Amino acid sequence: MRKEVLFSGFGGQGVILAGVILGRAAAVYEDLYAVQTQAYGPESRGGASMAGVVISDEPIDYPKVMAPDYAVLFSQEAYNKYIHSMRKGGTVVVEEELVPSRDTAAEKSLKVYALPLTELAEQTTGLSLTMNILTLGLLVEATGIVGREAIERAVLDAVPKGTEELNLKALHRGFEIGARIRDGES
């Protein structure tokens, strides 16, 4: 089983951190093989950012994401760049407020969930910067790529001291949304 996950958006959205946390959840807490790669522009905030995670139950022979099974796209630039690289039948989570122009033809062979992720994070924690953690919870719950306990432990490993409860609140809200998606509710 080789599963490829892509996170993309712009600097400041926590794209790289989301990839690191997912890879850690798989490798450390699920006893799977995982490789995380990343690319980002020279700007610390606002430049293009991408994190790829390959998860497998056997050694990974090629570390880069080639045709994602799952993608989280937080910006129009990310959507335009990666929507056509998705594996047929793949799952895509889109930040609907930051991706106003969508390619319905490209989406026909995919499961696409467009949600106001930034707004949901702000409503849940009061901080838009928890959007990446909320989205991780949504992705994990909707797809089962790793277990809840594994992603919780990986989040706690990665977030700054003193923000653990805030980030767990965002993660658990993501679990709720992901469960509704998984169960076919809107």
C-alpha atoms as a PDB file:
ATOM      1  CA  MET A   1       0.000   0.000   0.000  1.00  0.00           C
ATOM      2  CA  ARG A   2       1.554   3.280  -1.108  1.00  0.00           C
ATOM      3  CA  LYS A   3      -0.457   6.406  -0.397  1.00  0.00           C
ATOM      4  CA  GLU A   4       0.625   9.832  -1.542  1.00  0.00           C
ATOM      5  CA  VAL A   5      -0.536  13.019   0.176  1.00  0.00           C
ATOM      6  CA  LEU A   6       0.089  16.571  -1.013  1.00  0.00           C
ATOM      7  CA  PHE A   7      -0.381  19.785   0.963  1.00  0.00           C
ATOM      8  CA  SER A   8       0.018  23.064  -0.890  1.00  0.00           C
ATOM      9  CA  GLY A   9      -0.721  26.722  -0.341  1.00  0.00           C
ATOM     10  CA  PHE A  10       1.340  29.741   0.565  1.00  0.00           C
ATOM     11  CA  GLY A  11       3.825  30.447   3.327  1.00  0.00           C
ATOM     12  CA  GLY A  12       2.241  31.073   6.700  1.00  0.00           C
ATOM     13  CA  GLN A  13      -0.586  28.554   6.282  1.00  0.00           C
ATOM     14  CA  GLY A  14       1.270  25.716   8.008  1.00  0.00           C
ATOM     15  CA  VAL A  15       1.609  23.552   4.892  1.00  0.00           C
ATOM     16  CA  ILE A  16       5.055  22.197   5.779  1.00  0.00           C
ATOM     17  CA  LEU A  17       4.082  21.582   9.407  1.00  0.00           C
ATOM     18  CA  ALA A  18       0.987  19.635   8.310  1.00  0.00           C
ATOM     19  CA  GLY A  19       3.167  17.368   6.159  1.00  0.00           C
ATOM     20  CA  VAL A  20       5.693  16.846   8.952  1.00  0.00           C
ATOM     21  CA  ILE A  21       2.941  15.980  11.445  1.00  0.00           C
ATOM     22  CA  LEU A  22       1.262  13.495   9.082  1.00  0.00           C
ATOM     23  CA  GLY A  23       4.583  11.814   8.270  1.00  0.00           C
ATOM     24  CA  ARG A  24       5.428  11.560  11.969  1.00  0.00           C
ATOM     25  CA  ALA A  25       2.004  10.098  12.782  1.00  0.00           C
ATOM     26  CA  ALA A  26       2.522   7.382  10.173  1.00  0.00           C
ATOM     27  CA  ALA A  27       6.178   6.560  10.864  1.00  0.00           C
ATOM     28  CA  VAL A  28       6.386   6.947  14.634  1.00  0.00           C
ATOM     29  CA  TYR A  29       2.893   6.095  15.845  1.00  0.00           C
ATOM     30  CA  GLU A  30       1.481   3.797  13.143  1.00  0.00           C
ATOM     31  CA  ASP A  31       4.708   1.848  12.498  1.00  0.00           C
ATOM     32  CA  LEU A  32       4.490   2.530   8.760  1.00  0.00           C
ATOM     33  CA  TYR A  33       7.138   3.826   6.401  1.00  0.00           C
ATOM     34  CA  ALA A  34       6.846   7.531   5.618  1.00  0.00           C
ATOM     35  CA  VAL A  35       8.843  10.113   3.712  1.00  0.00           C
ATOM     36  CA  GLN A  36       8.106  13.832   3.762  1.00  0.00           C
ATOM     37  CA  THR A  37       9.460  16.247   1.152  1.00  0.00           C
ATOM     38  CA  GLN A  38       8.913  19.971   0.866  1.00  0.00           C
ATOM     39  CA  ALA A  39       9.405  22.951  -1.383  1.00  0.00           C
ATOM     40  CA  TYR A  40       8.802  26.608  -0.742  1.00  0.00           C
ATOM     41  CA  GLY A  41       9.577  29.988  -2.240  1.00  0.00           C
ATOM     42  CA  PRO A  42      12.173  32.374  -0.836  1.00  0.00           C
ATOM     43  CA  GLU A  43       9.516  34.438   0.949  1.00  0.00           C
ATOM     44  CA  SER A  44       8.794  33.308   4.508  1.00  0.00           C
ATOM     45  CA  ARG A  45       5.151  34.395   4.231  1.00  0.00           C
ATOM     46  CA  GLY A  46       3.102  34.518   1.065  1.00  0.00           C
ATOM     47  CA  GLY A  47       5.356  32.481  -1.244  1.00  0.00           C
ATOM     48  CA  ALA A  48       4.293  29.136  -2.713  1.00  0.00           C
ATOM     49  CA  SER A  49       4.668  26.198  -0.356  1.00  0.00           C
ATOM     50  CA  MET A  50       4.273  22.429  -0.840  1.00  0.00           C
ATOM     51  CA  ALA A  51       4.728  19.367   1.353  1.00  0.00           C
ATOM     52  CA  GLY A  52       4.476  15.833   0.042  1.00  0.00           C
ATOM     53  CA  VAL A  53       4.088  12.759   2.228  1.00  0.00           C
ATOM     54  CA  VAL A  54       4.434   9.183   1.002  1.00  0.00           C
ATOM     55  CA  ILE A  55       3.125   6.525   3.401  1.00  0.00           C
ATOM     56  CA  SER A  56       3.572   2.799   2.855  1.00  0.00           C
ATOM     57  CA  ASP A  57       3.553  -0.516   4.670  1.00  0.00           C
ATOM     58  CA  GLU A  58       6.806  -1.463   2.913  1.00  0.00           C
ATOM     59  CA  PRO A  59      10.048   0.417   2.232  1.00  0.00           C
ATOM     60  CA  ILE A  60       9.558   3.448  -0.011  1.00  0.00           C
ATOM     61  CA  ASP A  61      11.587   3.228  -3.208  1.00  0.00           C
ATOM     62  CA  TYR A  62      10.839   6.753  -4.478  1.00  0.00           C
ATOM     63  CA  PRO A  63      10.269   9.560  -1.972  1.00  0.00           C
ATOM     64  CA  LYS A  64       8.388  12.101  -4.083  1.00  0.00           C
ATOM     65  CA  VAL A  65       4.659  12.429  -4.591  1.00  0.00           C
ATOM     66  CA  MET A  66       3.907  11.595  -8.230  1.00  0.00           C
ATOM     67  CA  ALA A  67       0.101  11.256  -8.408  1.00  0.00           C
ATOM     68  CA  PRO A  68      -1.493  12.178  -5.076  1.00  0.00           C
ATOM     69  CA  ASP A  69      -4.207   9.992  -3.608  1.00  0.00           C
ATOM     70  CA  TYR A  70      -5.046  12.888  -1.275  1.00  0.00           C
ATOM     71  CA  ALA A  71      -4.436  16.618  -1.596  1.00  0.00           C
ATOM     72  CA  VAL A  72      -5.098  19.645   0.570  1.00  0.00           C
ATOM     73  CA  LEU A  73      -5.051  22.830  -1.497  1.00  0.00           C
ATOM     74  CA  PHE A  74      -5.097  26.092   0.438  1.00  0.00           C
ATOM     75  CA  SER A  75      -4.679  28.602  -2.435  1.00  0.00           C
ATOM     76  CA  GLN A  76      -5.696  29.230  -6.029  1.00  0.00           C
ATOM     77  CA  GLU A  77      -2.086  28.846  -7.183  1.00  0.00           C
ATOM     78  CA  ALA A  78      -1.832  25.465  -5.439  1.00  0.00           C
ATOM     79  CA  TYR A  79      -5.144  24.324  -6.928  1.00  0.00           C
ATOM     80  CA  ASN A  80      -4.141  25.367 -10.454  1.00  0.00           C
ATOM     81  CA  LYS A  81      -0.763  23.665 -10.162  1.00  0.00           C
ATOM     82  CA  TYR A  82      -1.835  20.323  -8.640  1.00  0.00           C
ATOM     83  CA  ILE A  83      -5.483  19.528  -9.443  1.00  0.00           C
ATOM     84  CA  HIS A  84      -4.501  17.866 -12.738  1.00  0.00           C
ATOM     85  CA  SER A  85      -1.840  15.662 -11.107  1.00  0.00           C
ATOM     86  CA  MET A  86      -4.310  13.836  -8.849  1.00  0.00           C
ATOM     87  CA  ARG A  87      -4.807  10.086  -9.083  1.00  0.00           C
ATOM     88  CA  LYS A  88      -8.234   9.219 -10.503  1.00  0.00           C
ATOM     89  CA  GLY A  89     -10.658   8.723  -7.615  1.00  0.00           C
ATOM     90  CA  GLY A  90      -8.435  10.784  -5.305  1.00  0.00           C
ATOM     91  CA  THR A  91      -9.675  12.991  -2.498  1.00  0.00           C
ATOM     92  CA  VAL A  92      -9.093  16.749  -2.509  1.00  0.00           C
ATOM     93  CA  VAL A  93      -9.785  19.203   0.313  1.00  0.00           C
ATOM     94  CA  VAL A  94      -9.979  22.824  -0.874  1.00  0.00           C
ATOM     95  CA  GLU A  95     -10.022  26.083   1.106  1.00  0.00           C
ATOM     96  CA  GLU A  96     -13.066  27.384  -0.776  1.00  0.00           C
ATOM     97  CA  GLU A  97     -12.598  31.046   0.110  1.00  0.00           C
ATOM     98  CA  LEU A  98      -9.053  31.101  -1.302  1.00  0.00           C
ATOM     99  CA  VAL A  99      -9.856  28.958  -4.369  1.00  0.00           C
ATOM    100  CA  PRO A 100     -12.694  30.807  -6.105  1.00  0.00           C
ATOM    101  CA  SER A 101     -11.993  29.418  -9.619  1.00  0.00           C
ATOM    102  CA  ARG A 102     -12.340  25.671  -9.912  1.00  0.00           C
ATOM    103  CA  ASP A 103     -11.985  23.260 -12.831  1.00  0.00           C
ATOM    104  CA  THR A 104     -15.184  21.198 -12.775  1.00  0.00           C
ATOM    105  CA  ALA A 105     -13.944  18.954 -15.606  1.00  0.00           C
ATOM    106  CA  ALA A 106     -10.790  18.017 -13.674  1.00  0.00           C
ATOM    107  CA  GLU A 107     -12.852  17.439 -10.525  1.00  0.00           C
ATOM    108  CA  LYS A 108     -15.226  14.930 -12.169  1.00  0.00           C
ATOM    109  CA  SER A 109     -12.969  11.958 -11.430  1.00  0.00           C
ATOM    110  CA  LEU A 110     -12.183  13.136  -7.881  1.00  0.00           C
ATOM    111  CA  LYS A 111     -13.854  13.493  -4.495  1.00  0.00           C
ATOM    112  CA  VAL A 112     -13.594  17.209  -3.780  1.00  0.00           C
ATOM    113  CA  TYR A 113     -14.568  18.830  -0.493  1.00  0.00           C
ATOM    114  CA  ALA A 114     -14.492  22.625  -0.609  1.00  0.00           C
ATOM    115  CA  LEU A 115     -14.924  24.201   2.812  1.00  0.00           C
ATOM    116  CA  PRO A 116     -14.218  27.581   4.438  1.00  0.00           C
ATOM    117  CA  LEU A 117     -11.314  26.083   6.398  1.00  0.00           C
ATOM    118  CA  THR A 118      -9.886  29.391   7.631  1.00  0.00           C
ATOM    119  CA  GLU A 119     -13.283  30.511   8.868  1.00  0.00           C
ATOM    120  CA  LEU A 120     -13.886  27.148  10.566  1.00  0.00           C
ATOM    121  CA  ALA A 121     -10.537  27.419  12.361  1.00  0.00           C
ATOM    122  CA  GLU A 122     -11.303  30.986  13.472  1.00  0.00           C
ATOM    123  CA  GLN A 123     -14.726  29.918  14.780  1.00  0.00           C
ATOM    124  CA  THR A 124     -13.203  26.957  16.628  1.00  0.00           C
ATOM    125  CA  THR A 125     -10.092  28.461  18.196  1.00  0.00           C
ATOM    126  CA  GLY A 126     -10.208  32.184  17.449  1.00  0.00           C
ATOM    127  CA  LEU A 127      -7.054  31.796  15.325  1.00  0.00           C
ATOM    128  CA  SER A 128      -6.860  31.293  11.562  1.00  0.00           C
ATOM    129  CA  LEU A 129      -3.393  29.763  11.931  1.00  0.00           C
ATOM    130  CA  THR A 130      -4.930  26.569  13.352  1.00  0.00           C
ATOM    131  CA  MET A 131      -6.460  25.878   9.922  1.00  0.00           C
ATOM    132  CA  ASN A 132      -3.716  23.364   9.094  1.00  0.00           C
ATOM    133  CA  ILE A 133      -4.367  21.329  12.253  1.00  0.00           C
ATOM    134  CA  LEU A 134      -8.143  21.421  11.732  1.00  0.00           C
ATOM    135  CA  THR A 135      -7.612  20.239   8.160  1.00  0.00           C
ATOM    136  CA  LEU A 136      -5.356  17.387   9.320  1.00  0.00           C
ATOM    137  CA  GLY A 137      -8.147  16.182  11.586  1.00  0.00           C
ATOM    138  CA  LEU A 138     -10.644  16.406   8.734  1.00  0.00           C
ATOM    139  CA  LEU A 139      -8.351  14.520   6.335  1.00  0.00           C
ATOM    140  CA  VAL A 140      -7.498  11.771   8.832  1.00  0.00           C
ATOM    141  CA  GLU A 141     -11.104  11.199   9.866  1.00  0.00           C
ATOM    142  CA  ALA A 142     -12.510  11.312   6.327  1.00  0.00           C
ATOM    143  CA  THR A 143      -9.870   8.998   4.813  1.00  0.00           C
ATOM    144  CA  GLY A 144      -8.406   6.856   7.612  1.00  0.00           C
ATOM    145  CA  ILE A 145      -4.882   7.487   6.252  1.00  0.00           C
ATOM    146  CA  VAL A 146      -3.647   7.246   9.870  1.00  0.00           C
ATOM    147  CA  GLY A 147      -5.500   6.755  13.141  1.00  0.00           C
ATOM    148  CA  ARG A 148      -6.848   9.440  15.446  1.00  0.00           C
ATOM    149  CA  GLU A 149      -4.482   8.609  18.282  1.00  0.00           C
ATOM    150  CA  ALA A 150      -1.450   8.710  15.982  1.00  0.00           C
ATOM    151  CA  ILE A 151      -2.292  12.157  14.607  1.00  0.00           C
ATOM    152  CA  GLU A 152      -3.113  13.485  18.093  1.00  0.00           C
ATOM    153  CA  ARG A 153       0.245  12.347  19.426  1.00  0.00           C
ATOM    154  CA  ALA A 154       2.083  13.758  16.404  1.00  0.00           C
ATOM    155  CA  VAL A 155       0.312  17.115  16.809  1.00  0.00           C
ATOM    156  CA  LEU A 156       1.301  17.253  20.471  1.00  0.00           C
ATOM    157  CA  ASP A 157       4.920  16.511  19.487  1.00  0.00           C
ATOM    158  CA  ALA A 158       4.992  19.337  16.952  1.00  0.00           C
ATOM    159  CA  VAL A 159       3.077  22.333  18.296  1.00  0.00           C
ATOM    160  CA  PRO A 160       4.671  24.963  20.548  1.00  0.00           C
ATOM    161  CA  LYS A 161       4.434  24.428  24.305  1.00  0.00           C
ATOM    162  CA  GLY A 162       1.402  26.154  25.716  1.00  0.00           C
ATOM    163  CA  THR A 163      -0.677  25.718  22.538  1.00  0.00           C
ATOM    164  CA  GLU A 164      -1.462  22.030  22.938  1.00  0.00           C
ATOM    165  CA  GLU A 165      -5.110  22.432  24.041  1.00  0.00           C
ATOM    166  CA  LEU A 166      -5.815  25.016  21.355  1.00  0.00           C
ATOM    167  CA  ASN A 167      -4.409  22.759  18.646  1.00  0.00           C
ATOM    168  CA  LEU A 168      -6.235  19.688  19.975  1.00  0.00           C
ATOM    169  CA  LYS A 169      -9.462  21.716  19.864  1.00  0.00           C
ATOM    170  CA  ALA A 170      -8.810  22.453  16.170  1.00  0.00           C
ATOM    171  CA  LEU A 171      -7.891  18.821  15.480  1.00  0.00           C
ATOM    172  CA  HIS A 172     -11.029  17.499  17.163  1.00  0.00           C
ATOM    173  CA  ARG A 173     -13.215  19.953  15.224  1.00  0.00           C
ATOM    174  CA  GLY A 174     -11.551  18.589  12.081  1.00  0.00           C
ATOM    175  CA  PHE A 175     -12.443  15.050  13.213  1.00  0.00           C
ATOM    176  CA  GLU A 176     -16.107  16.113  13.501  1.00  0.00           C
ATOM    177  CA  ILE A 177     -16.150  17.612  10.004  1.00  0.00           C
ATOM    178  CA  GLY A 178     -14.262  14.618   8.566  1.00  0.00           C
ATOM    179  CA  ALA A 179     -16.751  12.196  10.132  1.00  0.00           C
ATOM    180  CA  ARG A 180     -19.634  14.014   8.432  1.00  0.00           C
ATOM    181  CA  ILE A 181     -17.776  13.840   5.105  1.00  0.00           C
ATOM    182  CA  ARG A 182     -16.980  10.150   5.579  1.00  0.00           C
ATOM    183  CA  ASP A 183     -20.600   9.390   6.457  1.00  0.00           C
ATOM    184  CA  GLY A 184     -21.884  11.275   3.404  1.00  0.00           C
ATOM    185  CA  GLU A 185     -23.415  14.192   5.290  1.00  0.00           C
ATOM    186  CA  SER A 186     -22.943  17.765   4.166  1.00  0.00           C
END
